[in-house]
Amino acid sequence: MRRVMEMQRRSRDAVSKESSPKTINNKDTSVSDILGHIKIDEEKALIALLIFILYKQGADIKLLLGLAYLLL
């Protein structure tokens, strides 16, 4: 029983030492802010989005690979 109480105390101490995670303010975020932190330009983002949409629609793999080549 003593060991159980010791482990519970240790776990409470570990949890209290952790800092709370930072929250993102959703009011001030926009797509350009999000993409600004990721080093990708708008053209590549649009091509990637097009690849994703075409993939979901069942497009030809050669078309998807050709578009992916443009991302390089």
C-alpha atoms as a PDB file:
ATOM      1  CA  MET A   1       0.000   0.000   0.000  1.00  0.00           C
ATOM      2  CA  ARG A   2       2.863   2.328   0.791  1.00  0.00           C
ATOM      3  CA  ARG A   3       4.331   1.821  -2.686  1.00  0.00           C
ATOM      4  CA  VAL A   4       0.997   2.681  -4.326  1.00  0.00           C
ATOM      5  CA  MET A   5       0.774   5.914  -2.360  1.00  0.00           C
ATOM      6  CA  GLU A   6       4.365   6.795  -3.267  1.00  0.00           C
ATOM      7  CA  MET A   7       3.696   6.260  -6.980  1.00  0.00           C
ATOM      8  CA  GLN A   8       0.530   8.366  -6.820  1.00  0.00           C
ATOM      9  CA  ARG A   9       2.451  11.188  -5.159  1.00  0.00           C
ATOM     10  CA  ARG A  10       5.154  11.010  -7.841  1.00  0.00           C
ATOM     11  CA  SER A  11       2.596  11.104 -10.623  1.00  0.00           C
ATOM     12  CA  ARG A  12       0.868  14.147  -9.099  1.00  0.00           C
ATOM     13  CA  ASP A  13       4.227  15.898  -8.789  1.00  0.00           C
ATOM     14  CA  ALA A  14       5.076  15.119 -12.410  1.00  0.00           C
ATOM     15  CA  VAL A  15       1.724  16.419 -13.653  1.00  0.00           C
ATOM     16  CA  SER A  16       1.951  19.622 -11.652  1.00  0.00           C
ATOM     17  CA  LYS A  17       5.463  20.348 -12.997  1.00  0.00           C
ATOM     18  CA  GLU A  18       4.310  20.184 -16.621  1.00  0.00           C
ATOM     19  CA  SER A  19       3.448  23.517 -18.126  1.00  0.00           C
ATOM     20  CA  SER A  20       0.079  24.004 -19.734  1.00  0.00           C
ATOM     21  CA  PRO A  21       0.173  23.797 -23.555  1.00  0.00           C
ATOM     22  CA  LYS A  22      -0.072  27.039 -25.462  1.00  0.00           C
ATOM     23  CA  THR A  23      -3.368  27.665 -27.164  1.00  0.00           C
ATOM     24  CA  ILE A  24      -3.654  29.284 -30.560  1.00  0.00           C
ATOM     25  CA  ASN A  25      -5.930  32.286 -30.801  1.00  0.00           C
ATOM     26  CA  ASN A  26      -8.285  31.225 -33.590  1.00  0.00           C
ATOM     27  CA  LYS A  27      -9.678  34.730 -34.080  1.00  0.00           C
ATOM     28  CA  ASP A  28      -6.487  36.163 -35.534  1.00  0.00           C
ATOM     29  CA  THR A  29      -5.289  33.213 -37.623  1.00  0.00           C
ATOM     30  CA  SER A  30      -5.745  33.120 -41.340  1.00  0.00           C
ATOM     31  CA  VAL A  31      -4.515  30.878 -44.118  1.00  0.00           C
ATOM     32  CA  SER A  32      -1.680  33.248 -44.963  1.00  0.00           C
ATOM     33  CA  ASP A  33      -0.568  33.258 -41.316  1.00  0.00           C
ATOM     34  CA  ILE A  34      -0.587  29.479 -41.182  1.00  0.00           C
ATOM     35  CA  LEU A  35       1.234  29.135 -44.494  1.00  0.00           C
ATOM     36  CA  GLY A  36       3.616  31.903 -43.463  1.00  0.00           C
ATOM     37  CA  HIS A  37       5.190  29.653 -40.846  1.00  0.00           C
ATOM     38  CA  ILE A  38       5.504  26.821 -43.335  1.00  0.00           C
ATOM     39  CA  LYS A  39       7.980  27.638 -46.071  1.00  0.00           C
ATOM     40  CA  ILE A  40       5.648  27.046 -49.025  1.00  0.00           C
ATOM     41  CA  ASP A  41       4.405  29.526 -51.577  1.00  0.00           C
ATOM     42  CA  GLU A  42       0.810  29.898 -52.727  1.00  0.00           C
ATOM     43  CA  GLU A  43       1.311  28.155 -56.068  1.00  0.00           C
ATOM     44  CA  LYS A  44       2.690  25.016 -54.441  1.00  0.00           C
ATOM     45  CA  ALA A  45      -0.114  25.024 -51.893  1.00  0.00           C
ATOM     46  CA  LEU A  46      -2.707  25.214 -54.676  1.00  0.00           C
ATOM     47  CA  ILE A  47      -1.035  22.388 -56.601  1.00  0.00           C
ATOM     48  CA  ALA A  48      -0.929  20.251 -53.453  1.00  0.00           C
ATOM     49  CA  LEU A  49      -4.604  20.955 -52.830  1.00  0.00           C
ATOM     50  CA  LEU A  50      -5.406  20.063 -56.432  1.00  0.00           C
ATOM     51  CA  ILE A  51      -3.492  16.790 -56.072  1.00  0.00           C
ATOM     52  CA  PHE A  52      -5.454  15.971 -52.931  1.00  0.00           C
ATOM     53  CA  ILE A  53      -8.818  16.723 -54.538  1.00  0.00           C
ATOM     54  CA  LEU A  54      -8.000  14.764 -57.682  1.00  0.00           C
ATOM     55  CA  TYR A  55      -6.754  11.833 -55.610  1.00  0.00           C
ATOM     56  CA  LYS A  56     -10.021  11.751 -53.673  1.00  0.00           C
ATOM     57  CA  GLN A  57     -11.936  11.812 -56.974  1.00  0.00           C
ATOM     58  CA  GLY A  58      -9.943   8.839 -58.303  1.00  0.00           C
ATOM     59  CA  ALA A  59      -7.823  10.629 -60.909  1.00  0.00           C
ATOM     60  CA  ASP A  60      -5.197   8.912 -63.045  1.00  0.00           C
ATOM     61  CA  ILE A  61      -1.942   8.237 -61.207  1.00  0.00           C
ATOM     62  CA  LYS A  62       0.114   9.690 -64.075  1.00  0.00           C
ATOM     63  CA  LEU A  63      -1.700  13.001 -63.716  1.00  0.00           C
ATOM     64  CA  LEU A  64      -1.067  13.026 -59.973  1.00  0.00           C
ATOM     65  CA  LEU A  65       2.607  12.210 -60.458  1.00  0.00           C
ATOM     66  CA  GLY A  66       2.915  14.952 -63.070  1.00  0.00           C
ATOM     67  CA  LEU A  67       1.455  17.489 -60.683  1.00  0.00           C
ATOM     68  CA  ALA A  68       3.685  16.206 -57.888  1.00  0.00           C
ATOM     69  CA  TYR A  69       6.693  16.751 -60.169  1.00  0.00           C
ATOM     70  CA  LEU A  70       5.738  20.424 -60.365  1.00  0.00           C
ATOM     71  CA  LEU A  71       6.115  20.655 -56.600  1.00  0.00           C
ATOM     72  CA  LEU A  72       9.817  19.792 -56.793  1.00  0.00           C
END
